[in-house]
Amino acid sequence: MAWGCALCLALAGGALLALLVQLLRWLRADGDLTLLWAERWGKKPEHELRGKVVWVTGASSGIGEELTYQLAKLGALLAISARREDELQRVKKKCLQISSLSENDILVLRLDLTDRSSHEAATNSVLRHFGKIDVLVNNGGRSQRSLFVDTNLDVYSAIMELNYLGTISLTKYVLNHMIQRKKGKIVTVSSVMGIMGAPLATGYCASKHALQGFFNSLRTELTDYPEISIIQICPGPVQSQIIQNVFTENLAKSIENSGDQSHKMPTDRCARLTLVSVANDVKEAWISDHPYLAVCYMWQYTPTWAWWLMNRMGKRRIQNFKSGIDADASYSRKKK
């Protein structure tokens, strides 16, 4: 009997210790625990992505630009797309400087996601150049900073056309190729705003929720193709140029002051965790510092509490925006 009690106490103590370790990991985390486990113990991007043909949209700035640099260093063959060809040429030049890739290993392909009639030809151009597409990274898109009551409806139409319809249009043509090969990876850079809701981003949240629903449904349609992966990346606030290019109250207006971005996650860290997700086929990855990471968990498991908390965070977010500082500046420590 005494031996049995000791065993039970030992098991209970072990379970409590494991719980405390997980809690400590979570408090220090900048990604969901499944992703961080994959980073430490899973497959390495250096092994999984070398020599793969990767097509990155939105590659001229921000997360897409940093992903391109890291992929080049890994030895991936690259197709890089955005609207600004001169910026793509700049990115290509740097890729050649920091990697062992040759001129022919990087295809610059100008692409407007809103011009859906061009997507089939663009896909064929990549296939002619490389013969295959192993990974499509749907990264192109724009965010939003405006209150719904002040915003013209044509802004919402433009957001959905770019972030949602443009993304699934390009996916359709690339997926046809992957189905023929019976393998490939479709990676979509969504957002934590695809999981929760937040003020100043009603249209952006709607577009990211739409992508979440679409790709979760598409994944279930591809069960006969187990080697085709659907991967959704959900970053929180990241240091990038996304704020300078946001939608506002009307299509002709740009944001006047993007504010200090130094408190946000460094772009290179977000890109690295994205590549870890790709290498390990993580279906959905949350990449964020707290408190947005905590809100993702709350939104998933305790939505009533999440709504209560977001109502309070949302007031400060709107106040920050109206004061001319970054909307998320109150929630994070300044990065060193």
Foldseek 3Di string as FASTA:
>chain_A
DVVVVVVVVVVVVVVVVVVVVVVVCVQPDQKDPVLVCLVVPNDALLPQAAAAEEEFEPCLWFLNVLLLLVSLQSHHQYEYEEQDQVSVVVSVVVSVVNHVDDPLSYHYDYDQLLPLVCLLVSVVVSCVSPVAHAEYEAEDAAFFAEAPVLADVVLLVVRLSRLAVSLVSNVVNNVVRCVVVLAHEYEYEAALLLLPPAGRTPSSSVNSVNVVVVLVVVVVVCPVRVRYFYAYEHEYQEPICRQQVHHYRYPVDTDDAQADSQQFHYSNVSSNSSSSCVSRRPRYMYRRNPPSVVLSVCSVPPVVVSVVVNVVLRVQLVVCVVVRHHSCVVTGDGDD
